[in-house]
N, C-alpha and C. Protein backbone atom coordinates (compact mmCIF):
# COMPACT_ATOMS: atom_id res chain seq x y z
N MET A 1 -25.71 136.71 132.57
CA MET A 1 -27.01 135.41 131.82
C MET A 1 -27.83 136.12 131.60
N THR A 2 -28.45 135.95 130.09
CA THR A 2 -29.97 135.20 129.17
C THR A 2 -30.66 134.83 130.47
N LYS A 3 -31.88 134.60 130.80
CA LYS A 3 -32.70 133.41 131.64
C LYS A 3 -33.48 132.96 130.46
N PHE A 4 -33.41 132.80 129.37
CA PHE A 4 -34.20 132.43 128.07
C PHE A 4 -32.47 131.86 127.44
N ARG A 5 -33.32 130.15 127.56
CA ARG A 5 -32.73 130.05 126.59
C ARG A 5 -32.58 129.25 125.43
N PRO A 6 -32.43 128.74 124.28
CA PRO A 6 -32.81 128.31 123.40
C PRO A 6 -33.09 127.46 123.01
N VAL A 7 -34.24 126.82 122.42
CA VAL A 7 -34.74 125.32 122.17
C VAL A 7 -34.43 125.45 120.71
N GLU A 8 -34.39 125.85 119.54
CA GLU A 8 -33.88 125.58 118.43
C GLU A 8 -32.87 126.98 117.52
N VAL A 9 -32.41 126.43 116.87
CA VAL A 9 -31.27 127.58 115.87
C VAL A 9 -31.73 126.46 114.49
N ARG A 10 -31.96 127.83 113.11
CA ARG A 10 -31.83 127.41 112.06
C ARG A 10 -31.64 128.34 111.08
N HIS A 11 -30.43 127.25 109.76
CA HIS A 11 -29.89 128.50 109.22
C HIS A 11 -30.71 128.26 107.70
N ASP A 12 -31.80 129.33 108.02
CA ASP A 12 -32.04 129.38 107.04
C ASP A 12 -32.10 129.55 105.62
N ARG A 13 -31.31 129.07 104.98
CA ARG A 13 -30.84 129.93 103.83
C ARG A 13 -31.38 130.42 102.67
N ASP A 14 -32.73 129.62 102.42
CA ASP A 14 -32.83 129.87 101.37
C ASP A 14 -34.03 131.55 101.69
N ASN A 15 -33.80 131.53 102.79
CA ASN A 15 -33.60 133.54 102.81
C ASN A 15 -33.24 134.29 103.80
N GLY A 16 -31.81 133.69 103.07
CA GLY A 16 -30.86 134.53 104.51
C GLY A 16 -31.09 134.79 105.35
N ARG A 17 -31.31 133.64 106.69
CA ARG A 17 -31.05 134.43 107.97
C ARG A 17 -30.93 132.74 108.40
N VAL A 18 -30.92 132.78 110.07
CA VAL A 18 -31.03 132.51 111.34
C VAL A 18 -31.99 133.09 112.29
N ILE A 19 -32.72 131.64 112.45
CA ILE A 19 -34.06 131.31 113.32
C ILE A 19 -33.64 130.86 114.43
N VAL A 20 -33.86 131.45 115.07
CA VAL A 20 -33.79 130.83 116.69
C VAL A 20 -35.05 131.38 118.09
N SER A 21 -35.05 129.86 117.86
CA SER A 21 -37.00 129.95 119.53
C SER A 21 -36.12 129.59 120.75
N TRP A 22 -36.74 130.34 121.40
CA TRP A 22 -36.72 130.59 122.60
C TRP A 22 -37.58 129.87 123.74
N ASP A 23 -37.36 129.43 124.83
CA ASP A 23 -38.38 128.34 125.81
C ASP A 23 -38.95 129.64 126.03
N ASP A 24 -39.94 129.81 125.85
CA ASP A 24 -39.85 131.46 126.43
C ASP A 24 -41.34 131.69 124.99
N GLY A 25 -41.03 130.32 124.17
CA GLY A 25 -42.19 131.23 122.70
C GLY A 25 -41.28 132.11 121.79
N THR A 26 -40.27 133.10 122.08
CA THR A 26 -40.34 133.99 121.40
C THR A 26 -39.79 133.37 119.96
N ARG A 27 -39.72 134.40 118.62
CA ARG A 27 -38.32 133.43 118.10
C ARG A 27 -38.27 134.17 117.07
N GLN A 28 -37.37 134.39 116.90
CA GLN A 28 -36.49 136.09 116.30
C GLN A 28 -35.36 135.23 115.62
N GLN A 29 -35.41 136.28 114.44
CA GLN A 29 -34.62 136.21 112.97
C GLN A 29 -33.78 137.19 112.30
N PHE A 30 -32.29 136.72 111.94
CA PHE A 30 -31.99 137.46 111.80
C PHE A 30 -31.16 137.57 110.28
N PRO A 31 -31.04 138.52 109.52
CA PRO A 31 -30.99 138.22 108.40
C PRO A 31 -29.14 138.89 108.62
N LEU A 32 -28.52 137.63 107.77
CA LEU A 32 -27.29 137.79 108.19
C LEU A 32 -25.87 139.14 108.11
N ASP A 33 -26.91 140.28 107.09
CA ASP A 33 -25.88 140.60 107.12
C ASP A 33 -25.78 141.49 108.54
N ASP A 34 -27.30 141.59 109.13
CA ASP A 34 -27.62 141.96 110.27
C ASP A 34 -26.18 141.25 111.65
N LEU A 35 -26.78 139.71 110.74
CA LEU A 35 -25.85 139.17 112.12
C LEU A 35 -24.42 139.25 112.30
N ARG A 36 -23.75 139.57 111.10
CA ARG A 36 -22.56 139.07 110.39
C ARG A 36 -22.00 140.63 111.43
N ASN A 37 -22.59 141.94 111.17
CA ASN A 37 -22.19 143.20 110.88
C ASN A 37 -22.19 143.73 112.31
N ALA A 38 -23.57 142.89 113.74
CA ALA A 38 -23.67 142.82 114.99
C ALA A 38 -22.12 142.38 115.33
N CYS A 39 -20.48 141.60 114.81
CA CYS A 39 -20.57 140.57 115.38
C CYS A 39 -20.28 141.34 116.27
N PRO A 40 -19.91 140.44 117.73
CA PRO A 40 -18.91 140.59 118.93
C PRO A 40 -17.57 141.14 119.16
N CYS A 41 -16.89 140.39 118.62
CA CYS A 41 -15.31 140.16 118.35
C CYS A 41 -15.06 141.91 118.48
N ALA A 42 -13.77 141.87 119.28
CA ALA A 42 -12.76 143.03 119.77
C ALA A 42 -12.52 143.81 117.97
N GLY A 43 -12.34 143.23 117.46
CA GLY A 43 -12.31 143.33 115.92
C GLY A 43 -12.25 144.48 115.44
N CYS A 44 -13.76 143.49 115.52
CA CYS A 44 -15.24 144.46 114.90
C CYS A 44 -16.05 145.78 115.97
N ARG A 45 -15.53 145.60 117.21
CA ARG A 45 -16.11 146.10 117.46
C ARG A 45 -14.40 147.58 118.16
N GLY A 46 -13.87 147.45 117.87
CA GLY A 46 -12.61 148.30 117.26
C GLY A 46 -11.85 148.77 118.71
N HIS A 47 -11.32 147.38 118.73
CA HIS A 47 -10.52 147.26 119.45
C HIS A 47 -9.45 146.83 119.06
N SER A 48 -9.16 146.04 118.55
CA SER A 48 -8.07 145.81 117.55
C SER A 48 -6.80 147.35 116.61
N PRO A 49 -6.36 147.31 116.44
CA PRO A 49 -4.97 147.54 116.06
C PRO A 49 -5.76 147.91 114.11
N GLY A 50 -5.38 149.70 113.82
CA GLY A 50 -6.29 149.87 112.69
C GLY A 50 -7.76 149.29 112.00
N GLU A 51 -8.57 148.83 113.74
CA GLU A 51 -9.96 148.63 113.37
C GLU A 51 -10.86 149.92 114.04
N VAL A 52 -11.36 150.47 113.82
CA VAL A 52 -11.98 151.74 114.42
C VAL A 52 -13.57 151.55 114.14
N GLU A 53 -14.35 151.05 113.30
CA GLU A 53 -15.51 151.14 113.02
C GLU A 53 -16.01 149.70 112.18
N PRO A 54 -17.76 149.17 113.04
CA PRO A 54 -18.10 148.34 113.22
C PRO A 54 -17.83 147.85 111.84
N PRO A 55 -17.55 146.80 111.40
CA PRO A 55 -18.05 146.06 109.81
C PRO A 55 -19.03 146.63 109.12
N SER A 56 -19.73 146.71 107.93
CA SER A 56 -20.24 146.80 107.02
C SER A 56 -20.40 145.94 105.82
N VAL A 57 -21.20 144.74 106.79
CA VAL A 57 -20.84 143.71 105.12
C VAL A 57 -21.64 143.70 104.36
N GLN A 58 -22.31 143.00 103.87
CA GLN A 58 -24.01 143.50 102.48
C GLN A 58 -23.09 142.16 101.68
N GLY A 59 -23.82 141.29 102.30
CA GLY A 59 -23.34 139.32 101.47
C GLY A 59 -23.49 138.60 102.10
N ALA A 60 -23.80 138.44 103.29
CA ALA A 60 -22.68 137.48 103.97
C ALA A 60 -23.77 136.71 104.02
N VAL A 61 -22.17 135.56 103.87
CA VAL A 61 -22.51 134.21 103.72
C VAL A 61 -22.37 133.12 104.78
N LEU A 62 -23.49 131.91 105.75
CA LEU A 62 -22.77 132.11 106.84
C LEU A 62 -22.63 130.33 106.19
N SER A 63 -21.25 130.19 106.49
CA SER A 63 -20.81 128.31 106.34
C SER A 63 -20.92 128.16 107.64
N ASN A 64 -21.40 127.64 108.67
CA ASN A 64 -21.25 126.55 109.68
C ASN A 64 -21.81 127.65 111.13
N ILE A 65 -22.80 127.10 111.91
CA ILE A 65 -22.25 128.03 113.02
C ILE A 65 -22.29 126.41 114.77
N ALA A 66 -21.94 127.08 115.24
CA ALA A 66 -20.63 125.77 115.73
C ALA A 66 -21.04 126.79 117.16
N GLU A 67 -22.22 125.74 118.16
CA GLU A 67 -21.81 125.98 119.42
C GLU A 67 -20.48 126.30 120.88
N VAL A 68 -20.51 127.04 121.72
CA VAL A 68 -19.73 127.47 122.70
C VAL A 68 -20.02 126.98 123.80
N GLY A 69 -20.33 126.30 124.19
CA GLY A 69 -20.20 125.53 125.17
C GLY A 69 -21.72 125.16 125.18
N THR A 70 -22.61 125.54 127.17
CA THR A 70 -23.61 126.25 126.75
C THR A 70 -24.03 127.48 127.27
N TYR A 71 -23.41 128.16 126.53
CA TYR A 71 -23.65 129.72 126.72
C TYR A 71 -23.54 130.66 125.77
N ALA A 72 -23.46 130.02 123.90
CA ALA A 72 -23.20 131.05 122.95
C ALA A 72 -22.92 130.10 121.79
N LEU A 73 -23.22 130.61 120.88
CA LEU A 73 -23.24 130.30 119.23
C LEU A 73 -21.11 131.06 118.85
N ARG A 74 -20.58 130.20 117.47
CA ARG A 74 -19.97 130.50 117.03
C ARG A 74 -20.23 130.43 115.54
N PHE A 75 -20.34 131.87 115.01
CA PHE A 75 -20.07 131.55 113.48
C PHE A 75 -19.59 131.90 112.09
N ASP A 76 -19.23 130.91 111.35
CA ASP A 76 -18.23 130.86 110.68
C ASP A 76 -18.16 131.50 109.10
N TRP A 77 -17.33 132.45 109.05
CA TRP A 77 -18.59 133.75 107.51
C TRP A 77 -17.80 133.53 106.20
N GLY A 78 -18.07 133.75 105.59
CA GLY A 78 -17.94 133.28 103.93
C GLY A 78 -16.93 133.92 103.84
N ASP A 79 -17.38 135.35 104.34
CA ASP A 79 -15.15 135.26 103.73
C ASP A 79 -14.05 135.44 105.22
N GLY A 80 -14.28 134.23 105.86
CA GLY A 80 -12.74 133.99 106.91
C GLY A 80 -13.22 134.33 107.75
N HIS A 81 -14.71 134.76 108.16
CA HIS A 81 -14.27 135.82 109.98
C HIS A 81 -15.02 134.41 110.70
N THR A 82 -14.10 133.83 111.89
CA THR A 82 -14.76 133.01 113.23
C THR A 82 -14.91 133.64 114.32
N THR A 83 -14.06 135.03 115.16
CA THR A 83 -13.89 134.95 115.80
C THR A 83 -15.26 135.28 116.75
N GLY A 84 -15.99 135.75 116.36
CA GLY A 84 -17.58 136.33 117.09
C GLY A 84 -17.64 135.37 117.86
N ILE A 85 -18.49 135.30 119.27
CA ILE A 85 -18.52 134.80 119.98
C ILE A 85 -19.78 135.21 120.19
N TYR A 86 -21.14 135.07 119.76
CA TYR A 86 -22.18 135.83 120.54
C TYR A 86 -23.41 135.55 121.71
N SER A 87 -23.13 135.06 122.88
CA SER A 87 -24.18 134.41 124.42
C SER A 87 -25.10 134.88 123.42
N TRP A 88 -25.43 133.94 124.68
CA TRP A 88 -27.49 133.88 124.10
C TRP A 88 -28.28 135.39 124.25
N SER A 89 -27.44 135.87 125.62
CA SER A 89 -28.17 136.88 125.93
C SER A 89 -27.56 137.83 125.10
N TYR A 90 -26.05 138.17 124.10
CA TYR A 90 -26.22 139.16 123.65
C TYR A 90 -27.34 138.67 121.53
N LEU A 91 -27.85 137.24 121.56
CA LEU A 91 -28.53 137.30 120.96
C LEU A 91 -29.59 137.57 120.86
N ARG A 92 -30.64 137.08 122.45
CA ARG A 92 -31.13 137.84 122.39
C ARG A 92 -31.70 139.58 122.62
N GLU A 93 -30.54 140.18 122.92
CA GLU A 93 -30.82 142.40 123.13
C GLU A 93 -31.02 142.00 121.54
N ILE A 94 -29.61 141.91 120.29
CA ILE A 94 -30.05 142.78 119.08
C ILE A 94 -31.06 141.85 118.74
N GLY A 95 -31.59 140.74 118.66
CA GLY A 95 -32.35 140.06 118.42
C GLY A 95 -33.64 141.19 118.19
N LEU A 96 -34.21 141.68 119.72
CA LEU A 96 -34.63 143.15 119.71
C LEU A 96 -34.77 144.54 119.76
N GLU A 97 -33.05 144.50 119.25
CA GLU A 97 -33.42 146.57 118.88
C GLU A 97 -32.93 145.82 117.63
N MET A 98 -33.54 144.69 116.02
CA MET A 98 -33.19 144.32 114.99
C MET A 98 -34.90 144.18 114.73
N LEU A 99 -35.80 143.76 115.73
CA LEU A 99 -37.05 144.48 116.00
C LEU A 99 -37.94 145.84 116.00
N ALA A 100 -37.16 147.09 116.56
CA ALA A 100 -37.54 148.30 116.48
C ALA A 100 -37.48 148.83 115.58
């Protein structure tokens, strides 16, 4: 579990990204395609029958962001995908990887 907590999560529709501001002052920007393709659900990670590669979505559309308890977010995507639960620690980690 991450020691950092989000203080704001914002869907920047004009620029096609989600912005997360953390309590340590870090601000991470997640392009929608990258966020959709990083979905941590079993199907997207190749743990379901018929799924062997992570998604490679282009033109991702985000229709909703929902909190999951106090530890994660769930994104509802325009392609109907809704099963990925992005924990705070996972978001923090992939946000740092996107900067690299």
